[in-house]
Amino acid sequence: MSLMSPEVIDNLSAPWWAALREGRLLVQRNPVTGVWQWYPREHCLDDLSTEPQWVQASGHGTVFTYSVIHRGHTRLDAPYVCALIELDEGPLMLSQLHGIALDQITIGMPVSVAFIDLDSTTSLPVFGPRSAA
């Protein structure tokens, strides 16, 4: 059985995937108003006539909500935590939590991005506890 790759490269998403392989988190931002958005689009949500720019995000955020998955994708060992992260820049990003005991996860807890390699060409952002530094 072959597994589908989460990577779908097109003109819109190519900068995102390239940055992940370099250990950088990019998010789109309106170059005129400064409004951030996620997920990637060809236009800005606050001005449909403006094309967004890819900008490096801080990689910091807070847990907006989460769910513990007990049975799921065959590449992942269950249980794992699927979380909606509110980035410090504003948008919400769906990801996974790593390095946090299930009983220690709380809504509003500060997290920061890390990157995991699925294979030699695909990296994904995950979030873990933010260090005090």
Protein backbone atom coordinates (compact mmCIF):
# COMPACT_ATOMS: atom_id res chain seq x y z
CA MET A 1 0.00 0.00 0.00
CA SER A 2 1.43 3.40 -0.92
CA LEU A 3 0.95 6.39 1.33
CA MET A 4 -0.03 9.78 0.00
CA SER A 5 2.43 12.59 0.56
CA PRO A 6 1.05 15.70 2.27
CA GLU A 7 3.15 17.77 -0.12
CA VAL A 8 1.33 19.25 -3.10
CA ILE A 9 3.62 21.66 -4.87
CA ASP A 10 2.10 24.30 -7.12
CA ASN A 11 3.00 27.92 -7.85
CA LEU A 12 1.12 29.08 -4.78
CA SER A 13 2.57 26.66 -2.22
CA ALA A 14 6.14 26.22 -3.54
CA PRO A 15 7.63 28.94 -1.27
CA TRP A 16 5.97 27.32 1.78
CA TRP A 17 7.42 23.86 1.10
CA ALA A 18 10.89 25.24 0.27
CA ALA A 19 10.97 27.27 3.51
CA LEU A 20 9.90 24.25 5.60
CA ARG A 21 12.82 22.24 4.20
CA GLU A 22 15.07 25.11 5.40
CA GLY A 23 13.48 25.16 8.87
CA ARG A 24 11.54 28.40 8.33
CA LEU A 25 7.83 29.07 8.83
CA LEU A 26 6.26 31.35 6.22
CA VAL A 27 2.82 32.93 6.39
CA GLN A 28 1.13 35.23 3.90
CA ARG A 29 0.67 38.94 4.63
CA ASN A 30 -0.99 41.81 2.81
CA PRO A 31 1.89 44.11 1.76
CA VAL A 32 -0.35 47.19 2.01
CA THR A 33 -2.33 46.66 5.23
CA GLY A 34 -0.03 44.21 7.04
CA VAL A 35 -2.91 41.77 7.69
CA TRP A 36 -1.67 38.17 8.04
CA GLN A 37 -3.55 35.17 6.64
CA TRP A 38 -3.38 31.42 6.68
CA TYR A 39 -4.02 29.16 4.65
CA PRO A 40 -2.32 30.30 1.41
CA ARG A 41 -4.40 32.05 -1.21
CA GLU A 42 -3.76 33.92 -4.45
CA HIS A 43 -5.37 37.06 -2.99
CA CYS A 44 -5.52 38.90 0.33
CA LEU A 45 -8.64 38.28 2.38
CA ASP A 46 -8.96 41.94 3.34
CA ASP A 47 -8.46 43.20 -0.25
CA LEU A 48 -9.21 40.76 -3.05
CA SER A 49 -7.28 42.90 -5.55
CA THR A 50 -3.98 42.59 -3.64
CA GLU A 51 -1.58 39.66 -3.98
CA PRO A 52 -0.17 38.54 -0.60
CA GLN A 53 3.53 38.24 0.16
CA TRP A 54 5.19 35.32 1.91
CA VAL A 55 6.79 36.56 5.14
CA GLN A 56 8.73 34.64 7.77
CA ALA A 57 6.64 34.25 10.92
CA SER A 58 8.04 34.32 14.46
CA GLY A 59 7.12 30.67 14.98
CA HIS A 60 5.45 31.51 18.30
CA GLY A 61 1.81 31.06 19.16
CA THR A 62 -0.68 29.68 21.65
CA VAL A 63 -2.89 26.61 21.67
CA PHE A 64 -6.34 27.77 20.52
CA THR A 65 -7.89 24.29 20.77
CA TYR A 66 -6.79 20.69 20.34
CA SER A 67 -7.94 17.10 19.98
CA VAL A 68 -6.22 13.86 20.93
CA ILE A 69 -6.34 11.39 18.06
CA HIS A 70 -6.37 7.78 19.26
CA ARG A 71 -6.69 6.13 15.85
CA GLY A 72 -5.55 7.85 12.70
CA HIS A 73 -3.10 8.07 9.85
CA THR A 74 -0.82 5.08 9.43
CA ARG A 75 2.37 7.21 9.40
CA LEU A 76 1.70 8.50 12.90
CA ASP A 77 1.84 6.62 16.16
CA ALA A 78 -1.38 7.13 18.12
CA PRO A 79 -2.21 8.85 20.28
CA TYR A 80 -1.14 12.17 18.81
CA VAL A 81 -2.42 15.70 19.27
CA CYS A 82 -3.92 17.75 16.48
CA ALA A 83 -4.01 21.41 17.50
CA LEU A 84 -5.20 24.73 16.16
CA ILE A 85 -2.41 27.20 16.93
CA GLU A 86 -3.04 30.93 17.06
CA LEU A 87 0.18 32.38 15.72
CA ASP A 88 1.48 35.55 17.38
CA GLU A 89 0.91 37.21 14.00
CA GLY A 90 -2.81 36.43 14.25
CA PRO A 91 -3.87 33.62 11.93
CA LEU A 92 -4.85 30.13 13.08
CA MET A 93 -2.77 27.20 11.79
CA LEU A 94 -3.65 23.51 12.09
CA SER A 95 -0.68 21.41 13.22
CA GLN A 96 0.44 18.83 15.77
CA LEU A 97 1.75 19.22 19.29
CA HIS A 98 5.01 17.42 20.11
CA GLY A 99 6.94 17.12 23.33
CA ILE A 100 4.04 17.91 25.67
CA ALA A 101 2.45 15.29 27.93
CA LEU A 102 -1.27 14.93 27.21
CA ASP A 103 -2.20 15.95 30.75
CA GLN A 104 -0.07 19.12 30.47
CA ILE A 105 -1.76 20.57 27.37
CA THR A 106 -3.94 23.59 28.06
CA ILE A 107 -5.82 26.07 25.93
CA GLY A 108 -3.76 29.26 25.74
CA MET A 109 -0.42 27.58 26.49
CA PRO A 110 2.51 29.20 24.68
CA VAL A 111 4.15 27.09 21.97
CA SER A 112 6.83 27.47 19.34
CA VAL A 113 7.42 25.82 16.00
CA ALA A 114 9.74 22.90 15.32
CA PHE A 115 10.17 20.97 12.09
CA ILE A 116 9.96 17.25 11.46
CA ASP A 117 11.21 15.50 8.35
CA LEU A 118 8.75 13.02 6.91
CA ASP A 119 11.28 11.91 4.32
CA SER A 120 14.30 13.33 2.50
CA THR A 121 12.24 15.99 0.70
CA THR A 122 9.28 16.79 2.97
CA SER A 123 9.29 18.68 6.27
CA LEU A 124 6.30 19.75 8.31
CA PRO A 125 5.86 22.30 11.10
CA VAL A 126 4.83 21.03 14.54
CA PHE A 127 4.56 22.93 17.79
CA GLY A 128 6.05 22.23 21.20
CA PRO A 129 6.35 23.98 24.54
CA ARG A 130 7.85 27.45 24.30
CA SER A 131 11.06 27.79 26.24
CA ALA A 132 11.26 30.42 28.97
CA ALA A 133 14.19 32.10 27.23
